């Protein structure tokens, strides 16, 4: 049986703590539930942003 995913409210509709929880849930879901993949993706994005800032 196909169980649809519950809709996550938009971050603007939540308190700060709930917004962070929702954002974390969305990020983990985007990586297929693999927290390690999320950490790797985050590291990649941090390095890319540092390169952009250093270039001006």
C-alpha atoms as a PDB file:
ATOM      1  CA  UNK A   1       0.000   0.000   0.000  1.00  0.00           C
ATOM      2  CA  UNK A   2       1.276   3.459  -0.891  1.00  0.00           C
ATOM      3  CA  UNK A   3       1.520   5.809   2.103  1.00  0.00           C
ATOM      4  CA  UNK A   4       1.873   9.449   1.050  1.00  0.00           C
ATOM      5  CA  UNK A   5       4.409  11.566   2.915  1.00  0.00           C
ATOM      6  CA  UNK A   6       2.905  14.100   5.296  1.00  0.00           C
ATOM      7  CA  UNK A   7       3.241  17.671   4.099  1.00  0.00           C
ATOM      8  CA  UNK A   8       5.799  19.752   5.974  1.00  0.00           C
ATOM      9  CA  UNK A   9       4.588  23.281   6.724  1.00  0.00           C
ATOM     10  CA  UNK A  10       6.544  26.145   5.202  1.00  0.00           C
ATOM     11  CA  UNK A  11       9.299  27.367   7.573  1.00  0.00           C
ATOM     12  CA  UNK A  12       7.633  30.799   7.765  1.00  0.00           C
ATOM     13  CA  UNK A  13       4.632  29.151   9.454  1.00  0.00           C
ATOM     14  CA  UNK A  14       6.681  27.633  12.282  1.00  0.00           C
ATOM     15  CA  UNK A  15       8.525  28.768  15.412  1.00  0.00           C
ATOM     16  CA  UNK A  16      12.322  29.050  15.144  1.00  0.00           C
ATOM     17  CA  UNK A  17      12.935  25.630  16.753  1.00  0.00           C
ATOM     18  CA  UNK A  18      10.229  23.949  14.715  1.00  0.00           C
ATOM     19  CA  UNK A  19      11.540  25.674  11.593  1.00  0.00           C
ATOM     20  CA  UNK A  20      15.031  24.272  12.192  1.00  0.00           C
ATOM     21  CA  UNK A  21      13.577  20.801  12.774  1.00  0.00           C
ATOM     22  CA  UNK A  22      11.540  21.033   9.565  1.00  0.00           C
ATOM     23  CA  UNK A  23      14.575  22.239   7.589  1.00  0.00           C
ATOM     24  CA  UNK A  24      16.674  19.365   8.974  1.00  0.00           C
ATOM     25  CA  UNK A  25      13.951  16.854   8.095  1.00  0.00           C
ATOM     26  CA  UNK A  26      13.747  18.253   4.558  1.00  0.00           C
ATOM     27  CA  UNK A  27      17.523  18.140   4.112  1.00  0.00           C
ATOM     28  CA  UNK A  28      17.720  14.533   5.332  1.00  0.00           C
ATOM     29  CA  UNK A  29      14.809  13.564   3.081  1.00  0.00           C
ATOM     30  CA  UNK A  30      16.545  15.229   0.109  1.00  0.00           C
ATOM     31  CA  UNK A  31      19.496  12.888   0.715  1.00  0.00           C
ATOM     32  CA  UNK A  32      17.249   9.835   0.798  1.00  0.00           C
ATOM     33  CA  UNK A  33      17.380   9.621   4.578  1.00  0.00           C
ATOM     34  CA  UNK A  34      21.143   9.099   4.548  1.00  0.00           C
ATOM     35  CA  UNK A  35      22.645  11.420   7.156  1.00  0.00           C
ATOM     36  CA  UNK A  36      26.178  10.678   5.912  1.00  0.00           C
ATOM     37  CA  UNK A  37      25.233  11.825   2.414  1.00  0.00           C
ATOM     38  CA  UNK A  38      23.789  14.976   3.970  1.00  0.00           C
ATOM     39  CA  UNK A  39      27.049  15.714   5.786  1.00  0.00           C
ATOM     40  CA  UNK A  40      29.056  15.192   2.594  1.00  0.00           C
ATOM     41  CA  UNK A  41      26.718  17.441   0.620  1.00  0.00           C
ATOM     42  CA  UNK A  42      26.945  20.105   3.312  1.00  0.00           C
ATOM     43  CA  UNK A  43      30.747  20.008   3.289  1.00  0.00           C
ATOM     44  CA  UNK A  44      30.750  20.350  -0.501  1.00  0.00           C
ATOM     45  CA  UNK A  45      28.416  23.357  -0.351  1.00  0.00           C
ATOM     46  CA  UNK A  46      30.483  25.024   2.392  1.00  0.00           C
ATOM     47  CA  UNK A  47      33.658  24.704   0.331  1.00  0.00           C
ATOM     48  CA  UNK A  48      31.906  25.998  -2.761  1.00  0.00           C
ATOM     49  CA  UNK A  49      30.603  29.036  -0.869  1.00  0.00           C
ATOM     50  CA  UNK A  50      34.052  29.742   0.595  1.00  0.00           C
ATOM     51  CA  UNK A  51      35.497  29.705  -2.917  1.00  0.00           C
ATOM     52  CA  UNK A  52      32.808  32.113  -4.138  1.00  0.00           C
ATOM     53  CA  UNK A  53      33.449  34.522  -1.259  1.00  0.00           C
ATOM     54  CA  UNK A  54      37.222  34.399  -1.693  1.00  0.00           C
ATOM     55  CA  UNK A  55      36.861  35.227  -5.391  1.00  0.00           C
ATOM     56  CA  UNK A  56      34.781  38.267  -4.511  1.00  0.00           C
END
